[in-house]
Amino acid sequence: MDSSAAVEIEIARTMWESKCQVNESEFPGVRSIAKLLATIEDTKDNWLVYEVGSSPLSKHLFDVKGEFHKGERIYGVQHKSFYASLLHNKQALRDLIRFMAEVLDVLSYYSVVHADIKPDNILVDFDGHRIKNLKLIDFGSAFSYENPGNITASTPEYLAPEVLNYLENRGANTNHGNGTNSAKLCQMQEPWSYDVWSLGVILLELLTGIPIWMSLKCRTVT
């Protein structure tokens, strides 16, 4: 079985099949985590069946198109209606932050780090006025604070600098034990802080109006 699929299955079992399953009234964020419904294995692939979500936050925010001009990559960014709503509707922005904060509360309870929070992994059900629902997906890069040895690069643009520094130097530190070094990294933070940085990067995108990974040479279209 693919290692990322195995991680997702293990996380799902921890949250929904274990005896320490949380109460939704106490941890409402569990409703904003996509639930794994079934797993199907065949001779070639492993299929993970999740509950139906909506469109990724990235699709709600921007339409990005790139083209080359005089040897340089120029991006055009067109803001979507959801982005405009966040600018003028503070409640919608509060709801987005609240949903994500509630999710991080649940993950922290289980000492789980998602490790790949980005707009593509946040499904948002937006009706034109408010966020009706939100689902966090893709736990293939997740890890437990109790066993952090499988920390990966996932999406570098959304990773905290201390994590990037650890990953950059991990090869040089192999002889000293990867498990020891990753444990030291986790000792520098709380379980939720790893993902909070990623959420902060997303909020920075909302503030600036462009995806954080883009070149400085870009133009926005409203």
C-alpha atoms as a PDB file:
ATOM      1  CA  MET A   1       0.000   0.000   0.000  1.00  0.00           C
ATOM      2  CA  ASP A   2       1.173   3.514  -0.798  1.00  0.00           C
ATOM      3  CA  SER A   3       2.693   5.147   2.295  1.00  0.00           C
ATOM      4  CA  SER A   4       0.531   8.287   2.059  1.00  0.00           C
ATOM      5  CA  ALA A   5      -2.621   6.163   1.777  1.00  0.00           C
ATOM      6  CA  ALA A   6      -1.538   4.184   4.846  1.00  0.00           C
ATOM      7  CA  VAL A   7      -1.085   7.427   6.777  1.00  0.00           C
ATOM      8  CA  GLU A   8      -4.555   8.656   5.799  1.00  0.00           C
ATOM      9  CA  ILE A   9      -6.147   5.362   6.863  1.00  0.00           C
ATOM     10  CA  GLU A  10      -4.350   5.436  10.200  1.00  0.00           C
ATOM     11  CA  ILE A  11      -5.450   9.035  10.857  1.00  0.00           C
ATOM     12  CA  ALA A  12      -9.048   8.136   9.983  1.00  0.00           C
ATOM     13  CA  ARG A  13      -9.012   5.173  12.361  1.00  0.00           C
ATOM     14  CA  THR A  14      -7.646   7.363  15.126  1.00  0.00           C
ATOM     15  CA  MET A  15     -10.385   9.959  14.696  1.00  0.00           C
ATOM     16  CA  TRP A  16     -13.452   7.875  13.924  1.00  0.00           C
ATOM     17  CA  GLU A  17     -12.844   4.307  15.010  1.00  0.00           C
ATOM     18  CA  SER A  18     -10.874   4.597  18.236  1.00  0.00           C
ATOM     19  CA  LYS A  19     -12.234   4.731  21.762  1.00  0.00           C
ATOM     20  CA  CYS A  20     -10.955   8.304  22.101  1.00  0.00           C
ATOM     21  CA  GLN A  21     -13.369   9.600  19.440  1.00  0.00           C
ATOM     22  CA  VAL A  22     -14.196  13.233  20.238  1.00  0.00           C
ATOM     23  CA  ASN A  23     -17.615  14.671  20.981  1.00  0.00           C
ATOM     24  CA  GLU A  24     -18.771  16.985  18.172  1.00  0.00           C
ATOM     25  CA  SER A  25     -20.386  19.403  20.619  1.00  0.00           C
ATOM     26  CA  GLU A  26     -17.055  19.833  22.398  1.00  0.00           C
ATOM     27  CA  PHE A  27     -14.926  19.719  19.240  1.00  0.00           C
ATOM     28  CA  PRO A  28     -17.082  21.065  16.374  1.00  0.00           C
ATOM     29  CA  GLY A  29     -14.042  21.083  14.109  1.00  0.00           C
ATOM     30  CA  VAL A  30     -14.393  17.326  13.575  1.00  0.00           C
ATOM     31  CA  ARG A  31     -17.282  18.132  11.225  1.00  0.00           C
ATOM     32  CA  SER A  32     -14.840  20.117   9.071  1.00  0.00           C
ATOM     33  CA  ILE A  33     -12.510  17.189   8.479  1.00  0.00           C
ATOM     34  CA  ALA A  34     -13.356  15.037   5.452  1.00  0.00           C
ATOM     35  CA  LYS A  35     -14.369  11.599   6.710  1.00  0.00           C
ATOM     36  CA  LEU A  36     -12.938   8.465   5.145  1.00  0.00           C
ATOM     37  CA  LEU A  37     -15.901   6.236   4.274  1.00  0.00           C
ATOM     38  CA  ALA A  38     -14.224   3.207   2.720  1.00  0.00           C
ATOM     39  CA  THR A  39     -11.001   1.797   1.305  1.00  0.00           C
ATOM     40  CA  ILE A  40     -10.794  -0.320  -1.827  1.00  0.00           C
ATOM     41  CA  GLU A  41      -7.700  -2.242  -2.907  1.00  0.00           C
ATOM     42  CA  ASP A  42      -7.195  -3.811  -6.310  1.00  0.00           C
ATOM     43  CA  THR A  43      -4.162  -5.242  -8.056  1.00  0.00           C
ATOM     44  CA  LYS A  44      -2.934  -1.813  -9.171  1.00  0.00           C
ATOM     45  CA  ASP A  45      -4.283   0.900  -6.871  1.00  0.00           C
ATOM     46  CA  ASN A  46      -5.602   1.793  -3.461  1.00  0.00           C
ATOM     47  CA  TRP A  47      -8.821   3.800  -3.517  1.00  0.00           C
ATOM     48  CA  LEU A  48      -9.847   5.976  -0.582  1.00  0.00           C
ATOM     49  CA  VAL A  49     -13.522   6.952  -0.609  1.00  0.00           C
ATOM     50  CA  TYR A  50     -14.314  10.198   1.204  1.00  0.00           C
ATOM     51  CA  GLU A  51     -17.523  12.053   1.860  1.00  0.00           C
ATOM     52  CA  VAL A  52     -18.486  14.576  -0.809  1.00  0.00           C
ATOM     53  CA  GLY A  53     -16.978  18.028  -0.392  1.00  0.00           C
ATOM     54  CA  SER A  54     -17.083  21.187  -2.471  1.00  0.00           C
ATOM     55  CA  SER A  55     -14.598  23.250  -4.491  1.00  0.00           C
ATOM     56  CA  PRO A  56     -11.066  23.954  -3.178  1.00  0.00           C
ATOM     57  CA  LEU A  57     -10.447  27.347  -1.619  1.00  0.00           C
ATOM     58  CA  SER A  58      -7.876  28.013  -4.362  1.00  0.00           C
ATOM     59  CA  LYS A  59     -10.626  27.829  -6.992  1.00  0.00           C
ATOM     60  CA  HIS A  60     -12.806  30.203  -4.982  1.00  0.00           C
ATOM     61  CA  LEU A  61     -10.096  32.844  -4.595  1.00  0.00           C
ATOM     62  CA  PHE A  62      -8.117  33.294  -7.801  1.00  0.00           C
ATOM     63  CA  ASP A  63      -7.967  32.420 -11.458  1.00  0.00           C
ATOM     64  CA  VAL A  64      -4.246  32.377 -12.279  1.00  0.00           C
ATOM     65  CA  LYS A  65      -2.857  32.308 -15.811  1.00  0.00           C
ATOM     66  CA  GLY A  66       0.808  32.582 -16.745  1.00  0.00           C
ATOM     67  CA  GLU A  67       2.536  33.581 -19.953  1.00  0.00           C
ATOM     68  CA  PHE A  68       6.083  34.364 -21.042  1.00  0.00           C
ATOM     69  CA  HIS A  69       7.014  37.921 -21.964  1.00  0.00           C
ATOM     70  CA  LYS A  70      10.557  38.903 -22.933  1.00  0.00           C
ATOM     71  CA  GLY A  71      11.949  35.786 -21.321  1.00  0.00           C
ATOM     72  CA  GLU A  72      10.111  36.220 -18.027  1.00  0.00           C
ATOM     73  CA  ARG A  73       7.067  34.493 -16.603  1.00  0.00           C
ATOM     74  CA  ILE A  74       4.224  36.942 -16.066  1.00  0.00           C
ATOM     75  CA  TYR A  75       1.135  35.951 -14.123  1.00  0.00           C
ATOM     76  CA  GLY A  76      -2.334  37.393 -14.408  1.00  0.00           C
ATOM     77  CA  VAL A  77      -4.498  36.985 -11.318  1.00  0.00           C
ATOM     78  CA  GLN A  78      -8.230  37.449 -11.540  1.00  0.00           C
ATOM     79  CA  HIS A  79     -10.086  37.563  -8.251  1.00  0.00           C
ATOM     80  CA  LYS A  80     -13.199  35.428  -7.879  1.00  0.00           C
ATOM     81  CA  SER A  81     -16.481  36.503  -6.278  1.00  0.00           C
ATOM     82  CA  PHE A  82     -15.636  34.666  -3.053  1.00  0.00           C
ATOM     83  CA  TYR A  83     -12.462  36.719  -2.670  1.00  0.00           C
ATOM     84  CA  ALA A  84     -14.483  39.907  -3.119  1.00  0.00           C
ATOM     85  CA  SER A  85     -16.938  38.682  -0.496  1.00  0.00           C
ATOM     86  CA  LEU A  86     -14.144  38.169   2.011  1.00  0.00           C
ATOM     87  CA  LEU A  87     -12.976  41.734   1.424  1.00  0.00           C
ATOM     88  CA  HIS A  88     -16.401  43.245   2.035  1.00  0.00           C
ATOM     89  CA  ASN A  89     -17.988  40.682   4.345  1.00  0.00           C
ATOM     90  CA  LYS A  90     -16.029  40.406   7.556  1.00  0.00           C
ATOM     91  CA  GLN A  91     -18.328  37.676   8.833  1.00  0.00           C
ATOM     92  CA  ALA A  92     -17.365  35.388   5.943  1.00  0.00           C
ATOM     93  CA  LEU A  93     -13.682  35.918   6.786  1.00  0.00           C
ATOM     94  CA  ARG A  94     -14.385  35.263  10.476  1.00  0.00           C
ATOM     95  CA  ASP A  95     -16.194  32.055   9.530  1.00  0.00           C
ATOM     96  CA  LEU A  96     -13.253  30.869   7.445  1.00  0.00           C
ATOM     97  CA  ILE A  97     -10.812  31.482  10.299  1.00  0.00           C
ATOM     98  CA  ARG A  98     -13.176  29.925  12.852  1.00  0.00           C
ATOM     99  CA  PHE A  99     -13.693  26.759  10.814  1.00  0.00           C
ATOM    100  CA  MET A 100      -9.953  26.295  10.415  1.00  0.00           C
ATOM    101  CA  ALA A 101      -9.218  27.098  14.065  1.00  0.00           C
ATOM    102  CA  GLU A 102     -11.762  24.474  15.124  1.00  0.00           C
ATOM    103  CA  VAL A 103     -10.089  21.923  12.856  1.00  0.00           C
ATOM    104  CA  LEU A 104      -6.685  22.683  14.370  1.00  0.00           C
ATOM    105  CA  ASP A 105      -8.206  22.252  17.829  1.00  0.00           C
ATOM    106  CA  VAL A 106      -9.255  18.703  16.910  1.00  0.00           C
ATOM    107  CA  LEU A 107      -5.897  17.835  15.384  1.00  0.00           C
ATOM    108  CA  SER A 108      -4.105  19.196  18.439  1.00  0.00           C
ATOM    109  CA  TYR A 109      -6.270  17.000  20.678  1.00  0.00           C
ATOM    110  CA  TYR A 110      -5.028  13.949  18.781  1.00  0.00           C
ATOM    111  CA  SER A 111      -1.459  15.355  18.547  1.00  0.00           C
ATOM    112  CA  VAL A 112      -1.766  15.115  14.757  1.00  0.00           C
ATOM    113  CA  VAL A 113      -0.130  17.577  12.369  1.00  0.00           C
ATOM    114  CA  HIS A 114      -1.739  17.828   8.936  1.00  0.00           C
ATOM    115  CA  ALA A 115       1.513  19.229   7.497  1.00  0.00           C
ATOM    116  CA  ASP A 116       0.048  20.224   4.135  1.00  0.00           C
ATOM    117  CA  ILE A 117      -2.564  22.883   4.798  1.00  0.00           C
ATOM    118  CA  LYS A 118      -2.996  24.966   1.658  1.00  0.00           C
ATOM    119  CA  PRO A 119      -5.930  26.343  -0.364  1.00  0.00           C
ATOM    120  CA  ASP A 120      -6.068  23.207  -2.550  1.00  0.00           C
ATOM    121  CA  ASN A 121      -6.729  21.073   0.540  1.00  0.00           C
ATOM    122  CA  ILE A 122      -9.533  23.204   1.990  1.00  0.00           C
ATOM    123  CA  LEU A 123     -12.919  22.529   0.407  1.00  0.00           C
ATOM    124  CA  VAL A 124     -15.347  25.418   0.852  1.00  0.00           C
ATOM    125  CA  ASP A 125     -19.102  25.366   0.321  1.00  0.00           C
ATOM    126  CA  PHE A 126     -19.939  29.027  -0.326  1.00  0.00           C
ATOM    127  CA  ASP A 127     -23.478  30.071  -1.262  1.00  0.00           C
ATOM    128  CA  GLY A 128     -22.597  33.593  -2.382  1.00  0.00           C
ATOM    129  CA  HIS A 129     -23.138  35.141   1.038  1.00  0.00           C
ATOM    130  CA  ARG A 130     -21.669  32.852   3.658  1.00  0.00           C
ATOM    131  CA  ILE A 131     -19.550  29.747   4.133  1.00  0.00           C
ATOM    132  CA  LYS A 132     -22.027  26.928   4.693  1.00  0.00           C
ATOM    133  CA  ASN A 133     -19.425  24.244   5.200  1.00  0.00           C
ATOM    134  CA  LEU A 134     -15.691  23.558   5.089  1.00  0.00           C
ATOM    135  CA  LYS A 135     -13.746  20.304   4.784  1.00  0.00           C
ATOM    136  CA  LEU A 136     -10.014  19.744   5.262  1.00  0.00           C
ATOM    137  CA  ILE A 137      -8.709  16.946   3.015  1.00  0.00           C
ATOM    138  CA  ASP A 138      -5.501  15.078   2.118  1.00  0.00           C
ATOM    139  CA  PHE A 139      -3.816  13.703   5.238  1.00  0.00           C
ATOM    140  CA  GLY A 140      -1.149  11.906   3.206  1.00  0.00           C
ATOM    141  CA  SER A 141       1.630  14.072   4.702  1.00  0.00           C
ATOM    142  CA  ALA A 142       0.251  14.058   8.255  1.00  0.00           C
ATOM    143  CA  PHE A 143       2.240  12.785  11.206  1.00  0.00           C
ATOM    144  CA  SER A 144       1.863  12.277  14.922  1.00  0.00           C
ATOM    145  CA  TYR A 145       3.838  14.303  17.419  1.00  0.00           C
ATOM    146  CA  GLU A 146       4.521  11.044  19.197  1.00  0.00           C
ATOM    147  CA  ASN A 147       6.133   9.599  16.042  1.00  0.00           C
ATOM    148  CA  PRO A 148       7.328  12.482  13.838  1.00  0.00           C
ATOM    149  CA  GLY A 149       9.896  10.577  11.785  1.00  0.00           C
ATOM    150  CA  ASN A 150       7.986  10.855   8.490  1.00  0.00           C
ATOM    151  CA  ILE A 151       8.079  14.653   8.106  1.00  0.00           C
ATOM    152  CA  THR A 152       8.195  15.473   4.399  1.00  0.00           C
ATOM    153  CA  ALA A 153       8.487  18.577   2.245  1.00  0.00           C
ATOM    154  CA  SER A 154       4.767  18.429   1.222  1.00  0.00           C
ATOM    155  CA  THR A 155       4.205  21.972  -0.159  1.00  0.00           C
ATOM    156  CA  PRO A 156       7.272  24.112   0.739  1.00  0.00           C
ATOM    157  CA  GLU A 157       5.545  27.459   0.124  1.00  0.00           C
ATOM    158  CA  TYR A 158       3.253  26.825   3.082  1.00  0.00           C
ATOM    159  CA  LEU A 159       5.776  25.312   5.503  1.00  0.00           C
ATOM    160  CA  ALA A 160       7.262  27.102   8.505  1.00  0.00           C
ATOM    161  CA  PRO A 161      10.936  28.193   8.162  1.00  0.00           C
ATOM    162  CA  GLU A 162      12.147  25.914  10.963  1.00  0.00           C
ATOM    163  CA  VAL A 163      10.583  22.953   9.143  1.00  0.00           C
ATOM    164  CA  LEU A 164      12.230  23.914   5.862  1.00  0.00           C
ATOM    165  CA  ASN A 165      15.536  24.295   7.685  1.00  0.00           C
ATOM    166  CA  TYR A 166      15.123  20.842   9.227  1.00  0.00           C
ATOM    167  CA  LEU A 167      14.324  19.264   5.848  1.00  0.00           C
ATOM    168  CA  GLU A 168      17.250  21.018   4.170  1.00  0.00           C
ATOM    169  CA  ASN A 169      19.679  19.723   6.754  1.00  0.00           C
ATOM    170  CA  ARG A 170      18.146  16.304   7.278  1.00  0.00           C
ATOM    171  CA  GLY A 171      20.417  14.617   4.754  1.00  0.00           C
ATOM    172  CA  ALA A 172      23.519  15.962   6.453  1.00  0.00           C
ATOM    173  CA  ASN A 173      22.198  14.818   9.820  1.00  0.00           C
ATOM    174  CA  THR A 174      21.268  11.294   8.748  1.00  0.00           C
ATOM    175  CA  ASN A 175      24.134   9.742  10.645  1.00  0.00           C
ATOM    176  CA  HIS A 176      22.859  11.276  13.852  1.00  0.00           C
ATOM    177  CA  GLY A 177      19.441   9.678  13.563  1.00  0.00           C
ATOM    178  CA  ASN A 178      16.487  11.142  11.708  1.00  0.00           C
ATOM    179  CA  GLY A 179      14.064  10.258  14.509  1.00  0.00           C
ATOM    180  CA  THR A 180      16.084  12.186  17.056  1.00  0.00           C
ATOM    181  CA  ASN A 181      16.292  15.292  14.890  1.00  0.00           C
ATOM    182  CA  SER A 182      12.580  15.280  14.044  1.00  0.00           C
ATOM    183  CA  ALA A 183      11.753  14.863  17.725  1.00  0.00           C
ATOM    184  CA  LYS A 184      13.871  17.923  18.515  1.00  0.00           C
ATOM    185  CA  LEU A 185      11.976  19.848  15.842  1.00  0.00           C
ATOM    186  CA  CYS A 186       8.677  18.968  17.498  1.00  0.00           C
ATOM    187  CA  GLN A 187      10.018  20.021  20.902  1.00  0.00           C
ATOM    188  CA  MET A 188      10.331  23.551  19.490  1.00  0.00           C
ATOM    189  CA  GLN A 189       6.587  23.802  18.850  1.00  0.00           C
ATOM    190  CA  GLU A 190       3.143  22.827  20.039  1.00  0.00           C
ATOM    191  CA  PRO A 191       1.227  20.305  17.891  1.00  0.00           C
ATOM    192  CA  TRP A 192      -0.927  23.046  16.415  1.00  0.00           C
ATOM    193  CA  SER A 193       1.864  25.533  15.617  1.00  0.00           C
ATOM    194  CA  TYR A 194       3.139  23.608  12.597  1.00  0.00           C
ATOM    195  CA  ASP A 195      -0.224  24.047  10.834  1.00  0.00           C
ATOM    196  CA  VAL A 196      -0.915  27.533  12.186  1.00  0.00           C
ATOM    197  CA  TRP A 197       1.971  28.873  10.115  1.00  0.00           C
ATOM    198  CA  SER A 198       0.361  27.400   6.993  1.00  0.00           C
ATOM    199  CA  LEU A 199      -2.963  29.004   7.891  1.00  0.00           C
ATOM    200  CA  GLY A 200      -1.144  32.301   8.383  1.00  0.00           C
ATOM    201  CA  VAL A 201       0.327  32.050   4.880  1.00  0.00           C
ATOM    202  CA  ILE A 202      -3.188  31.558   3.493  1.00  0.00           C
ATOM    203  CA  LEU A 203      -4.368  34.663   5.331  1.00  0.00           C
ATOM    204  CA  LEU A 204      -1.385  36.535   3.871  1.00  0.00           C
ATOM    205  CA  GLU A 205      -2.609  35.537   0.420  1.00  0.00           C
ATOM    206  CA  LEU A 206      -6.004  37.016   1.256  1.00  0.00           C
ATOM    207  CA  LEU A 207      -4.319  40.204   2.444  1.00  0.00           C
ATOM    208  CA  THR A 208      -2.085  40.644  -0.621  1.00  0.00           C
ATOM    209  CA  GLY A 209      -4.521  39.319  -3.208  1.00  0.00           C
ATOM    210  CA  ILE A 210      -2.046  36.934  -4.872  1.00  0.00           C
ATOM    211  CA  PRO A 211      -0.963  33.316  -4.236  1.00  0.00           C
ATOM    212  CA  ILE A 212       2.143  33.266  -2.075  1.00  0.00           C
ATOM    213  CA  TRP A 213       4.083  31.044  -4.491  1.00  0.00           C
ATOM    214  CA  MET A 214       3.923  33.555  -7.351  1.00  0.00           C
ATOM    215  CA  SER A 215       6.731  35.568  -8.825  1.00  0.00           C
ATOM    216  CA  LEU A 216       7.020  39.232  -7.888  1.00  0.00           C
ATOM    217  CA  LYS A 217       6.363  40.001 -11.542  1.00  0.00           C
ATOM    218  CA  CYS A 218       2.607  39.695 -11.663  1.00  0.00           C
ATOM    219  CA  ARG A 219      -0.473  41.749 -12.284  1.00  0.00           C
ATOM    220  CA  THR A 220      -3.935  41.437 -10.797  1.00  0.00           C
ATOM    221  CA  VAL A 221      -7.230  41.776 -12.625  1.00  0.00           C
ATOM    222  CA  THR A 222     -10.351  42.693 -10.674  1.00  0.00           C
END
